[in-house]
Amino acid sequence: MSRRFLFVLGSARTEGNTEILARQAAEQLPGDVEQQWIRLADLALPDFTDLRHESDHVRPASDTPAGVLLDATLAATDVVIASPLYWYSVSGLTKRYLDYWSGWLRTPGVDFKATMAGRTLWGVSARADRDASVADPLVGTLNNSAAYLRMRFGGVLLGNGSAPGDVLKDTDALTRAKTFFAQEAPLARFPHEAI
């Protein structure tokens, strides 16, 4: 299977620092790698309804926001969550998308967990704080989500920037962006798992 990257943009604004950093990294991908970009703010994705204990799980129609996201996620070999750091974790738009993964685990004919196993989850995020450790909860959310699905986790490309375009002044982040997707992503592990 040739590589297909899905970039899920979780910012409430267009062309913010996270998106700029994600696009800097994506420019380094080989020309034969397919890229799909989805801006969550452009989709009218309703709040997730937890039907875990209900029996009427159905696959969303492909022309609905949930169906568009499901089809794009299943088609991707690599899923890139590009979410700014909002209150020390992923944005609300991003969290809603990840919540839908719970429903897809039980959607007939999808076999979401088995399908996603072995694929790679990446993160890109911009933060206003100079201390990168404030993004640890965001990194944990993505790592643990990947671990649960037995995905690989490529880590999170972190940049610094608050005002529009600030991330372009973060030369360390721009340097890391040049090789971020070239690294080998290990199988994700929960923090309590033995190596």
Protein backbone atom coordinates (compact mmCIF):
# COMPACT_ATOMS: atom_id res chain seq x y z
CA MET A 1 0.00 0.00 0.00
CA SER A 2 1.46 3.37 -0.99
CA ARG A 3 1.51 5.98 1.74
CA ARG A 4 -1.45 8.29 2.09
CA PHE A 5 -1.34 11.10 4.66
CA LEU A 6 -4.51 12.52 6.16
CA PHE A 7 -3.97 15.92 7.76
CA VAL A 8 -6.75 16.71 10.23
CA LEU A 9 -6.68 20.43 10.97
CA GLY A 10 -8.18 21.09 14.39
CA SER A 11 -7.75 24.84 14.71
CA ALA A 12 -10.69 27.22 14.92
CA ARG A 13 -8.89 29.62 12.56
CA THR A 14 -7.40 29.12 9.12
CA GLU A 15 -3.70 29.34 8.40
CA GLY A 16 -2.76 29.47 12.07
CA ASN A 17 0.64 28.54 13.43
CA THR A 18 -0.19 24.83 13.72
CA GLU A 19 -1.33 24.64 10.11
CA ILE A 20 1.73 26.58 8.94
CA LEU A 21 4.02 24.13 10.76
CA ALA A 22 2.11 21.12 9.41
CA ARG A 23 2.42 22.43 5.87
CA GLN A 24 6.15 23.04 6.36
CA ALA A 25 6.55 19.38 7.34
CA ALA A 26 4.27 18.13 4.55
CA GLU A 27 6.36 19.93 1.93
CA GLN A 28 9.15 17.47 2.72
CA LEU A 29 7.09 14.40 1.83
CA PRO A 30 8.02 12.67 -1.43
CA GLY A 31 5.91 13.64 -4.43
CA ASP A 32 4.33 10.21 -4.71
CA VAL A 33 2.85 10.39 -1.21
CA GLU A 34 -0.83 11.28 -1.43
CA GLN A 35 -2.04 14.02 0.91
CA GLN A 36 -5.57 14.83 2.00
CA TRP A 37 -6.28 17.88 4.15
CA ILE A 38 -9.50 18.21 6.14
CA ARG A 39 -10.30 21.31 8.17
CA LEU A 40 -12.60 20.24 11.02
CA ALA A 41 -14.00 23.76 11.38
CA ASP A 42 -15.41 23.45 7.84
CA LEU A 43 -17.40 20.32 8.71
CA ALA A 44 -20.67 20.52 10.59
CA LEU A 45 -19.73 17.49 12.67
CA PRO A 46 -22.34 17.11 15.41
CA ASP A 47 -21.39 16.34 18.99
CA PHE A 48 -20.58 12.68 19.45
CA THR A 49 -23.35 10.54 20.91
CA ASP A 50 -22.11 7.54 22.86
CA LEU A 51 -24.07 4.50 21.71
CA ARG A 52 -21.71 1.91 23.16
CA HIS A 53 -24.50 -0.01 24.82
CA GLU A 54 -27.03 0.47 22.03
CA SER A 55 -27.49 -2.01 19.22
CA ASP A 56 -28.20 0.36 16.33
CA HIS A 57 -24.66 1.19 15.23
CA VAL A 58 -24.68 2.12 11.56
CA ARG A 59 -21.99 3.30 9.22
CA PRO A 60 -22.44 7.02 8.51
CA ALA A 61 -23.29 7.93 4.92
CA SER A 62 -20.26 9.02 2.93
CA ASP A 63 -21.77 12.44 2.21
CA THR A 64 -22.12 13.32 5.92
CA PRO A 65 -19.33 14.97 7.97
CA ALA A 66 -18.86 11.78 10.02
CA GLY A 67 -18.82 9.68 6.85
CA VAL A 68 -16.26 11.94 5.17
CA LEU A 69 -13.99 11.66 8.21
CA LEU A 70 -14.46 7.91 8.57
CA ASP A 71 -13.70 7.23 4.92
CA ALA A 72 -10.65 9.52 4.97
CA THR A 73 -9.35 7.98 8.19
CA LEU A 74 -9.75 4.42 6.92
CA ALA A 75 -8.01 5.30 3.64
CA ALA A 76 -4.97 6.83 5.38
CA THR A 77 -1.75 5.02 6.17
CA ASP A 78 -0.71 8.04 8.24
CA VAL A 79 -3.05 10.28 10.24
CA VAL A 80 -1.67 13.67 11.25
CA ILE A 81 -3.54 15.47 14.02
CA ALA A 82 -2.68 19.15 13.58
CA SER A 83 -4.16 20.78 16.67
CA PRO A 84 -3.05 23.90 18.46
CA LEU A 85 -2.52 23.53 22.18
CA TYR A 86 -5.80 24.67 23.73
CA TRP A 87 -5.90 24.50 27.53
CA TYR A 88 -2.96 22.09 27.53
CA SER A 89 -4.51 19.49 25.24
CA VAL A 90 -6.04 19.10 21.80
CA SER A 91 -8.67 21.56 20.56
CA GLY A 92 -12.37 20.88 21.06
CA LEU A 93 -12.75 20.23 17.33
CA THR A 94 -9.98 17.64 17.47
CA LYS A 95 -11.38 16.01 20.60
CA ARG A 96 -14.78 15.65 18.90
CA TYR A 97 -13.09 13.87 15.95
CA LEU A 98 -11.27 11.52 18.32
CA ASP A 99 -14.52 10.87 20.19
CA TYR A 100 -15.99 9.57 16.94
CA TRP A 101 -13.28 6.90 16.93
CA SER A 102 -15.15 5.35 19.88
CA GLY A 103 -18.26 4.91 17.76
CA TRP A 104 -16.30 3.62 14.77
CA LEU A 105 -14.93 0.85 16.97
CA ARG A 106 -18.46 -0.57 17.02
CA THR A 107 -19.59 0.27 13.49
CA PRO A 108 -20.50 -2.92 11.60
CA GLY A 109 -18.24 -3.75 8.68
CA VAL A 110 -15.55 -1.24 9.63
CA ASP A 111 -13.32 -3.25 12.02
CA PHE A 112 -11.76 0.07 12.98
CA LYS A 113 -9.28 -1.20 15.56
CA ALA A 114 -7.87 -3.92 13.31
CA THR A 115 -7.81 -1.60 10.30
CA MET A 116 -5.88 1.13 12.13
CA ALA A 117 -3.39 -1.26 13.77
CA GLY A 118 0.08 -0.76 12.32
CA ARG A 119 -0.75 2.57 10.72
CA THR A 120 0.91 5.72 12.03
CA LEU A 121 -0.46 8.59 14.08
CA TRP A 122 1.46 11.88 14.12
CA GLY A 123 0.84 15.17 15.84
CA VAL A 124 1.67 18.77 15.00
CA SER A 125 0.96 21.56 17.45
CA ALA A 126 1.82 25.17 18.17
CA ARG A 127 1.81 26.57 21.67
CA ALA A 128 2.21 30.07 23.10
CA ASP A 129 4.29 28.99 26.10
CA ARG A 130 8.04 28.63 25.57
CA ASP A 131 8.11 25.55 27.82
CA ALA A 132 7.37 22.53 25.63
CA SER A 133 6.36 20.42 28.65
CA VAL A 134 3.01 22.25 28.81
CA ALA A 135 2.06 20.16 25.76
CA ASP A 136 2.60 16.85 27.61
CA PRO A 137 -1.17 16.24 28.00
CA LEU A 138 -1.67 16.70 24.23
CA VAL A 139 1.20 14.32 23.50
CA GLY A 140 -0.25 11.82 25.99
CA THR A 141 -3.69 11.98 24.39
CA LEU A 142 -2.28 11.15 20.97
CA ASN A 143 0.20 8.54 22.18
CA ASN A 144 -2.40 6.70 24.24
CA SER A 145 -4.95 6.83 21.41
CA ALA A 146 -2.38 5.27 19.11
CA ALA A 147 -1.42 2.67 21.71
CA TYR A 148 -5.03 1.62 22.22
CA LEU A 149 -5.40 0.99 18.49
CA ARG A 150 -1.93 -0.63 18.24
CA MET A 151 -0.84 2.11 15.87
CA ARG A 152 2.64 3.49 15.46
CA PHE A 153 3.23 6.91 16.98
CA GLY A 154 5.53 9.35 15.23
CA GLY A 155 5.46 11.85 18.07
CA VAL A 156 4.43 15.48 18.01
CA LEU A 157 6.16 18.26 16.10
CA LEU A 158 5.91 21.21 18.49
CA GLY A 159 6.35 24.83 17.53
CA ASN A 160 6.14 28.07 19.43
CA GLY A 161 3.86 30.87 18.34
CA SER A 162 0.85 32.87 19.45
CA ALA A 163 0.24 35.68 16.96
CA PRO A 164 -0.42 34.64 13.33
CA GLY A 165 2.79 33.55 11.63
CA ASP A 166 4.88 33.51 14.84
CA VAL A 167 5.87 29.88 14.30
CA LEU A 168 7.94 30.96 11.30
CA LYS A 169 10.33 32.57 13.83
CA ASP A 170 10.81 29.22 15.60
CA THR A 171 13.86 28.05 13.69
CA ASP A 172 14.22 24.87 15.79
CA ALA A 173 10.68 23.76 14.90
CA LEU A 174 11.20 24.58 11.22
CA THR A 175 14.40 22.52 11.23
CA ARG A 176 12.60 19.56 12.86
CA ALA A 177 9.80 19.90 10.29
CA LYS A 178 12.26 19.10 7.49
CA THR A 179 12.76 15.53 8.75
CA PHE A 180 9.74 14.95 10.97
CA PHE A 181 7.86 12.57 8.66
CA ALA A 182 11.07 10.84 7.57
CA GLN A 183 11.65 9.25 10.97
CA GLU A 184 10.69 5.66 11.71
CA ALA A 185 7.68 5.64 14.00
CA PRO A 186 7.71 2.96 16.72
CA LEU A 187 4.66 1.05 17.87
CA ALA A 188 2.90 3.24 20.43
CA ARG A 189 2.94 2.10 24.05
CA PHE A 190 1.01 3.16 27.09
CA PRO A 191 3.29 4.78 29.69
CA HIS A 192 2.74 1.85 32.09
CA GLU A 193 3.68 -0.80 29.52
CA ALA A 194 7.05 -2.45 29.84
CA ILE A 195 9.38 -1.93 26.90
